[in-house]
N, C-alpha and C. Protein backbone atom coordinates (compact mmCIF):
# COMPACT_ATOMS: atom_id res chain seq x y z
N UNK A 1 -30.72 -46.27 -61.33
CA UNK A 1 -29.72 -45.58 -60.61
C UNK A 1 -29.88 -44.09 -60.83
N UNK A 2 -29.71 -43.44 -59.73
CA UNK A 2 -29.90 -42.01 -59.75
C UNK A 2 -28.57 -41.33 -59.50
N UNK A 3 -27.96 -40.81 -60.57
CA UNK A 3 -26.64 -40.19 -60.46
C UNK A 3 -26.71 -38.67 -60.45
N UNK A 4 -27.79 -38.16 -60.13
CA UNK A 4 -27.92 -36.71 -60.11
C UNK A 4 -27.21 -36.14 -58.89
N UNK A 5 -26.69 -34.99 -59.11
CA UNK A 5 -26.06 -34.28 -57.99
C UNK A 5 -27.15 -33.76 -57.06
N UNK A 6 -27.01 -34.15 -55.85
CA UNK A 6 -27.97 -33.65 -54.88
C UNK A 6 -27.53 -32.25 -54.46
N UNK A 7 -28.48 -31.43 -54.28
CA UNK A 7 -28.16 -30.07 -53.87
C UNK A 7 -27.74 -30.07 -52.41
N UNK A 8 -26.55 -29.51 -52.20
CA UNK A 8 -26.05 -29.42 -50.83
C UNK A 8 -26.39 -28.06 -50.27
N UNK A 9 -26.68 -28.08 -49.01
CA UNK A 9 -26.91 -26.80 -48.34
C UNK A 9 -25.58 -26.07 -48.25
N UNK A 10 -25.63 -24.80 -48.44
CA UNK A 10 -24.40 -24.03 -48.30
C UNK A 10 -24.05 -23.94 -46.81
N UNK A 11 -22.80 -24.09 -46.54
CA UNK A 11 -22.34 -24.05 -45.16
C UNK A 11 -22.23 -22.60 -44.69
N UNK A 12 -22.79 -22.33 -43.53
CA UNK A 12 -22.73 -20.99 -42.95
C UNK A 12 -22.08 -21.06 -41.57
N UNK A 13 -21.31 -20.09 -41.30
CA UNK A 13 -20.73 -20.00 -39.96
C UNK A 13 -21.57 -18.99 -39.20
N UNK A 14 -22.13 -19.45 -38.13
CA UNK A 14 -22.98 -18.58 -37.33
C UNK A 14 -22.08 -17.67 -36.48
N UNK A 15 -22.29 -16.39 -36.59
CA UNK A 15 -21.49 -15.42 -35.86
C UNK A 15 -22.05 -15.11 -34.47
N UNK A 16 -23.24 -15.54 -34.20
CA UNK A 16 -23.87 -15.21 -32.92
C UNK A 16 -23.09 -15.74 -31.72
N UNK A 17 -22.66 -17.01 -31.70
CA UNK A 17 -21.88 -17.46 -30.54
C UNK A 17 -20.55 -16.72 -30.39
N UNK A 18 -19.93 -16.38 -31.51
CA UNK A 18 -18.66 -15.67 -31.43
C UNK A 18 -18.87 -14.26 -30.87
N UNK A 19 -19.93 -13.60 -31.27
CA UNK A 19 -20.23 -12.26 -30.76
C UNK A 19 -20.53 -12.34 -29.26
N UNK A 20 -21.26 -13.39 -28.84
CA UNK A 20 -21.54 -13.57 -27.41
C UNK A 20 -20.25 -13.72 -26.61
N UNK A 21 -19.33 -14.50 -27.12
CA UNK A 21 -18.05 -14.70 -26.43
C UNK A 21 -17.27 -13.39 -26.36
N UNK A 22 -17.26 -12.63 -27.43
CA UNK A 22 -16.54 -11.35 -27.44
C UNK A 22 -17.15 -10.40 -26.42
N UNK A 23 -18.48 -10.35 -26.34
CA UNK A 23 -19.12 -9.49 -25.35
C UNK A 23 -18.82 -9.95 -23.92
N UNK A 24 -18.80 -11.24 -23.69
CA UNK A 24 -18.47 -11.75 -22.37
C UNK A 24 -17.03 -11.40 -21.99
N UNK A 25 -16.11 -11.52 -22.94
CA UNK A 25 -14.73 -11.13 -22.67
C UNK A 25 -14.62 -9.63 -22.38
N UNK A 26 -15.34 -8.84 -23.15
CA UNK A 26 -15.35 -7.40 -22.93
C UNK A 26 -15.85 -7.05 -21.54
N UNK A 27 -16.94 -7.68 -21.14
CA UNK A 27 -17.50 -7.43 -19.80
C UNK A 27 -16.52 -7.89 -18.73
N UNK A 28 -15.89 -9.05 -18.94
CA UNK A 28 -14.93 -9.57 -17.96
C UNK A 28 -13.78 -8.59 -17.77
N UNK A 29 -13.20 -8.09 -18.85
CA UNK A 29 -12.08 -7.17 -18.73
C UNK A 29 -12.50 -5.82 -18.15
N UNK A 30 -13.71 -5.39 -18.43
CA UNK A 30 -14.18 -4.13 -17.86
C UNK A 30 -14.37 -4.25 -16.35
N UNK A 31 -14.84 -5.40 -15.90
CA UNK A 31 -15.08 -5.59 -14.47
C UNK A 31 -13.77 -5.77 -13.71
N UNK A 32 -12.81 -6.49 -14.29
CA UNK A 32 -11.57 -6.79 -13.56
C UNK A 32 -10.51 -5.71 -13.68
N UNK A 33 -10.67 -4.77 -14.56
CA UNK A 33 -9.68 -3.71 -14.72
C UNK A 33 -9.82 -2.71 -13.60
N UNK A 34 -8.70 -2.28 -13.06
CA UNK A 34 -8.73 -1.23 -12.05
C UNK A 34 -8.42 0.09 -12.73
N UNK A 35 -9.18 1.05 -12.40
CA UNK A 35 -8.98 2.37 -12.97
C UNK A 35 -8.37 3.25 -11.89
N UNK A 36 -7.33 3.94 -12.24
CA UNK A 36 -6.73 4.86 -11.28
C UNK A 36 -7.24 6.25 -11.58
N UNK A 37 -7.70 6.88 -10.54
CA UNK A 37 -8.12 8.26 -10.74
C UNK A 37 -7.46 9.11 -9.68
N UNK A 38 -6.98 10.20 -10.11
CA UNK A 38 -6.31 11.12 -9.22
C UNK A 38 -7.32 12.13 -8.73
N UNK A 39 -7.60 12.05 -7.44
CA UNK A 39 -8.55 12.99 -6.86
C UNK A 39 -7.86 13.74 -5.74
N UNK A 40 -8.33 14.90 -5.51
CA UNK A 40 -7.81 15.71 -4.42
C UNK A 40 -8.84 15.67 -3.31
N UNK A 41 -8.57 14.81 -2.34
CA UNK A 41 -9.49 14.64 -1.23
C UNK A 41 -8.71 14.83 0.06
N UNK A 42 -9.26 15.58 0.95
CA UNK A 42 -8.65 15.71 2.26
C UNK A 42 -9.01 14.47 3.06
N UNK A 43 -8.00 13.77 3.51
CA UNK A 43 -8.21 12.51 4.20
C UNK A 43 -7.86 12.65 5.67
N UNK A 44 -8.76 12.21 6.51
CA UNK A 44 -8.47 12.12 7.93
C UNK A 44 -8.15 10.66 8.18
N UNK A 45 -6.97 10.40 8.71
CA UNK A 45 -6.55 9.02 8.91
C UNK A 45 -7.50 8.31 9.86
N UNK A 46 -7.88 7.08 9.52
CA UNK A 46 -8.86 6.37 10.34
C UNK A 46 -8.27 5.85 11.64
N UNK A 47 -9.16 5.60 12.55
CA UNK A 47 -8.76 4.96 13.79
C UNK A 47 -8.90 3.46 13.58
N UNK A 48 -8.15 2.69 14.31
CA UNK A 48 -8.18 1.24 14.13
C UNK A 48 -8.48 0.56 15.45
N UNK A 49 -9.19 -0.54 15.33
CA UNK A 49 -9.44 -1.36 16.49
C UNK A 49 -8.70 -2.66 16.29
N UNK A 50 -8.12 -3.13 17.30
CA UNK A 50 -7.39 -4.38 17.21
C UNK A 50 -6.83 -4.75 18.55
N UNK A 51 -6.10 -5.80 18.55
CA UNK A 51 -5.50 -6.25 19.80
C UNK A 51 -4.32 -5.37 20.12
N UNK A 52 -4.17 -5.02 21.38
CA UNK A 52 -3.00 -4.21 21.74
C UNK A 52 -1.73 -5.01 21.55
N UNK A 53 -0.68 -4.29 21.17
CA UNK A 53 0.60 -4.93 20.95
C UNK A 53 1.20 -5.30 22.29
N UNK A 54 1.71 -6.51 22.39
CA UNK A 54 2.32 -6.91 23.65
C UNK A 54 3.55 -6.05 23.92
N UNK A 55 3.70 -5.69 25.16
CA UNK A 55 4.79 -4.80 25.54
C UNK A 55 6.12 -5.57 25.53
N UNK A 56 7.09 -5.00 24.89
CA UNK A 56 8.42 -5.59 24.87
C UNK A 56 9.34 -4.72 25.70
N UNK A 57 10.47 -5.29 26.07
CA UNK A 57 11.40 -4.56 26.92
C UNK A 57 11.99 -3.36 26.21
N UNK A 58 12.40 -3.55 24.96
CA UNK A 58 13.00 -2.45 24.19
C UNK A 58 12.07 -2.11 23.02
N UNK A 59 11.67 -0.89 22.97
CA UNK A 59 10.83 -0.39 21.88
C UNK A 59 11.41 0.94 21.44
N UNK A 60 11.52 1.12 20.15
CA UNK A 60 11.96 2.39 19.58
C UNK A 60 10.73 3.11 19.06
N UNK A 61 10.43 4.26 19.64
CA UNK A 61 9.24 5.01 19.26
C UNK A 61 9.66 6.23 18.45
N UNK A 62 9.14 6.33 17.25
CA UNK A 62 9.40 7.48 16.39
C UNK A 62 8.08 8.23 16.22
N UNK A 63 8.07 9.48 16.60
CA UNK A 63 6.85 10.29 16.55
C UNK A 63 7.00 11.35 15.46
N UNK A 64 5.92 11.54 14.70
CA UNK A 64 5.86 12.59 13.67
C UNK A 64 4.74 13.54 14.07
N UNK A 65 5.08 14.80 14.32
CA UNK A 65 4.03 15.75 14.68
C UNK A 65 3.36 16.30 13.42
N UNK A 66 2.38 17.18 13.62
CA UNK A 66 1.59 17.65 12.47
C UNK A 66 2.38 18.49 11.49
N UNK A 67 3.53 19.03 11.91
CA UNK A 67 4.35 19.81 10.98
C UNK A 67 5.37 18.94 10.25
N UNK A 68 5.47 17.66 10.62
CA UNK A 68 6.41 16.77 9.97
C UNK A 68 7.74 16.64 10.70
N UNK A 69 7.81 17.17 11.91
CA UNK A 69 9.03 17.08 12.72
C UNK A 69 9.14 15.68 13.32
N UNK A 70 10.36 15.13 13.35
CA UNK A 70 10.60 13.79 13.85
C UNK A 70 11.10 13.83 15.29
N UNK A 71 10.63 12.87 16.10
CA UNK A 71 11.07 12.70 17.48
C UNK A 71 11.35 11.22 17.69
N UNK A 72 12.50 10.89 18.26
CA UNK A 72 12.79 9.50 18.61
C UNK A 72 12.82 9.42 20.13
N UNK A 73 11.93 8.58 20.67
CA UNK A 73 11.76 8.44 22.12
C UNK A 73 11.60 9.81 22.78
N UNK A 74 10.74 10.64 22.21
CA UNK A 74 10.39 11.98 22.70
C UNK A 74 11.55 12.97 22.70
N UNK A 75 12.58 12.69 21.91
CA UNK A 75 13.69 13.62 21.76
C UNK A 75 13.68 14.14 20.33
N UNK A 76 13.59 15.46 20.18
CA UNK A 76 13.51 16.06 18.86
C UNK A 76 14.80 15.85 18.08
N UNK A 77 14.68 15.62 16.78
CA UNK A 77 15.86 15.45 15.94
C UNK A 77 16.41 16.78 15.45
N UNK A 78 15.73 17.85 15.69
CA UNK A 78 16.27 19.16 15.34
C UNK A 78 15.78 19.67 13.99
N UNK A 79 15.82 18.85 12.97
CA UNK A 79 15.33 19.29 11.67
C UNK A 79 14.57 18.14 11.00
N UNK A 80 13.99 18.44 9.86
CA UNK A 80 13.15 17.47 9.16
C UNK A 80 13.89 16.70 8.07
N UNK A 81 15.21 16.84 8.01
CA UNK A 81 15.94 16.20 6.91
C UNK A 81 16.04 14.69 7.12
N UNK A 82 16.05 13.98 6.00
CA UNK A 82 16.13 12.53 6.04
C UNK A 82 17.51 12.05 6.47
N UNK A 83 18.54 12.86 6.21
CA UNK A 83 19.89 12.48 6.65
C UNK A 83 19.96 12.43 8.17
N UNK A 84 19.37 13.41 8.82
CA UNK A 84 19.36 13.43 10.28
C UNK A 84 18.58 12.24 10.82
N UNK A 85 17.45 11.94 10.18
CA UNK A 85 16.64 10.79 10.59
C UNK A 85 17.43 9.49 10.42
N UNK A 86 18.13 9.37 9.29
CA UNK A 86 18.90 8.16 9.04
C UNK A 86 20.03 8.00 10.05
N UNK A 87 20.71 9.08 10.39
CA UNK A 87 21.79 9.01 11.39
C UNK A 87 21.24 8.62 12.76
N UNK A 88 20.08 9.16 13.12
CA UNK A 88 19.49 8.84 14.42
C UNK A 88 19.05 7.38 14.48
N UNK A 89 18.46 6.87 13.39
CA UNK A 89 18.03 5.47 13.38
C UNK A 89 19.21 4.52 13.28
N UNK A 90 20.29 4.96 12.67
CA UNK A 90 21.48 4.11 12.55
C UNK A 90 22.10 3.86 13.91
N UNK A 91 21.88 4.76 14.87
CA UNK A 91 22.39 4.56 16.22
C UNK A 91 21.78 3.32 16.86
N UNK A 92 20.58 2.94 16.42
CA UNK A 92 19.91 1.75 16.94
C UNK A 92 20.13 0.54 16.03
N UNK A 93 21.05 0.67 15.11
CA UNK A 93 21.29 -0.37 14.11
C UNK A 93 21.80 -1.67 14.71
N UNK A 94 22.40 -1.62 15.89
CA UNK A 94 22.97 -2.81 16.51
C UNK A 94 21.95 -3.92 16.69
N UNK A 95 20.74 -3.56 17.06
CA UNK A 95 19.69 -4.56 17.24
C UNK A 95 18.53 -4.23 16.32
N UNK A 96 18.50 -4.85 15.16
CA UNK A 96 17.46 -4.55 14.18
C UNK A 96 16.14 -5.22 14.54
N UNK A 97 16.14 -6.08 15.55
CA UNK A 97 14.91 -6.74 15.96
C UNK A 97 14.08 -5.88 16.92
N UNK A 98 14.62 -4.72 17.30
CA UNK A 98 13.84 -3.80 18.13
C UNK A 98 12.64 -3.33 17.31
N UNK A 99 11.44 -3.44 17.87
CA UNK A 99 10.29 -2.95 17.12
C UNK A 99 10.32 -1.42 17.00
N UNK A 100 10.07 -0.94 15.80
CA UNK A 100 9.98 0.49 15.54
C UNK A 100 8.51 0.84 15.45
N UNK A 101 8.02 1.62 16.40
CA UNK A 101 6.62 2.02 16.42
C UNK A 101 6.55 3.48 15.98
N UNK A 102 5.79 3.72 14.92
CA UNK A 102 5.65 5.06 14.36
C UNK A 102 4.35 5.67 14.86
N UNK A 103 4.46 6.74 15.63
CA UNK A 103 3.31 7.51 16.09
C UNK A 103 3.21 8.73 15.20
N UNK A 104 2.27 8.72 14.30
CA UNK A 104 2.13 9.84 13.38
C UNK A 104 0.83 10.58 13.68
N UNK A 105 0.94 11.88 13.78
CA UNK A 105 -0.24 12.71 13.98
C UNK A 105 -1.18 12.53 12.80
N UNK A 106 -2.49 12.60 13.06
CA UNK A 106 -3.47 12.39 11.99
C UNK A 106 -3.35 13.45 10.90
N UNK A 107 -2.87 14.64 11.25
CA UNK A 107 -2.74 15.69 10.25
C UNK A 107 -1.30 15.85 9.76
N UNK A 108 -0.43 14.91 10.11
CA UNK A 108 0.96 14.96 9.64
C UNK A 108 1.00 14.61 8.15
N UNK A 109 1.98 15.14 7.44
CA UNK A 109 2.09 14.81 6.02
C UNK A 109 2.36 13.31 5.82
N UNK A 110 1.67 12.72 4.87
CA UNK A 110 1.85 11.30 4.60
C UNK A 110 3.26 11.03 4.10
N UNK A 111 3.83 11.98 3.39
CA UNK A 111 5.18 11.81 2.87
C UNK A 111 6.18 11.62 4.01
N UNK A 112 5.94 12.25 5.14
CA UNK A 112 6.84 12.08 6.28
C UNK A 112 6.83 10.64 6.77
N UNK A 113 5.65 10.03 6.84
CA UNK A 113 5.54 8.63 7.27
C UNK A 113 6.17 7.70 6.24
N UNK A 114 5.96 7.98 4.96
CA UNK A 114 6.56 7.15 3.90
C UNK A 114 8.07 7.27 3.94
N UNK A 115 8.57 8.46 4.20
CA UNK A 115 10.02 8.65 4.29
C UNK A 115 10.60 7.87 5.46
N UNK A 116 9.88 7.84 6.58
CA UNK A 116 10.34 7.05 7.73
C UNK A 116 10.39 5.57 7.37
N UNK A 117 9.37 5.09 6.69
CA UNK A 117 9.36 3.69 6.27
C UNK A 117 10.53 3.38 5.34
N UNK A 118 10.79 4.26 4.39
CA UNK A 118 11.90 4.05 3.45
C UNK A 118 13.24 4.00 4.18
N UNK A 119 13.47 4.98 5.05
CA UNK A 119 14.75 5.06 5.75
C UNK A 119 14.92 3.86 6.68
N UNK A 120 13.86 3.50 7.41
CA UNK A 120 13.97 2.38 8.35
C UNK A 120 14.20 1.06 7.63
N UNK A 121 13.54 0.85 6.52
CA UNK A 121 13.76 -0.40 5.79
C UNK A 121 15.13 -0.42 5.12
N UNK A 122 15.62 0.75 4.72
CA UNK A 122 16.96 0.82 4.12
C UNK A 122 18.03 0.49 5.17
N UNK A 123 17.82 0.94 6.38
CA UNK A 123 18.77 0.66 7.46
C UNK A 123 18.71 -0.82 7.84
N UNK A 124 17.52 -1.40 7.78
CA UNK A 124 17.41 -2.82 8.07
C UNK A 124 16.42 -3.18 9.16
N UNK A 125 15.58 -2.25 9.59
CA UNK A 125 14.57 -2.58 10.58
C UNK A 125 13.55 -3.52 9.96
N UNK A 126 13.20 -4.57 10.70
CA UNK A 126 12.27 -5.58 10.18
C UNK A 126 10.88 -5.45 10.79
N UNK A 127 10.80 -5.00 12.03
CA UNK A 127 9.54 -4.96 12.75
C UNK A 127 9.09 -3.50 12.88
N UNK A 128 8.30 -3.04 11.89
CA UNK A 128 7.84 -1.65 11.85
C UNK A 128 6.33 -1.64 11.99
N UNK A 129 5.82 -0.83 12.92
CA UNK A 129 4.39 -0.82 13.19
C UNK A 129 3.92 0.63 13.31
N UNK A 130 2.70 0.90 12.85
CA UNK A 130 2.08 2.20 13.04
C UNK A 130 1.17 2.12 14.26
N UNK A 131 1.28 3.09 15.14
CA UNK A 131 0.42 3.13 16.32
C UNK A 131 -0.86 3.87 15.95
N UNK A 132 -1.99 3.36 16.44
CA UNK A 132 -3.28 4.01 16.24
C UNK A 132 -3.98 4.11 17.58
N UNK A 133 -5.06 4.83 17.58
CA UNK A 133 -5.84 4.92 18.81
C UNK A 133 -7.21 4.35 18.57
N UNK A 134 -7.82 3.86 19.64
CA UNK A 134 -9.15 3.27 19.51
C UNK A 134 -10.19 4.34 19.58
């Protein structure tokens, strides 16, 4: 009988697979992360191609010229204040299903268009569309 202690190999934990997994996770997060960068770029609004909107009987057209002045159905609102815009759009509040089509000049301030969207959604307009040219 042989009662000698057999020499056992020392147990080692291989770090190579763990390092591979860590690198794969690092690459995954680097690829899927979105980075925001603030750049100052002059943007010319693009033209869009698509199907023309079917003509409806009642359409509310809001136009923004290059200086940021608002016009509803080709009638000037007088000033650029959001209160005036809200009062003018509230006049059409009776039928919120009327499509609101925003005609914004390509060189108009983007903030003017965003303000129109905010005011129109606050009033309750549901069908808001931006008009583009082909």
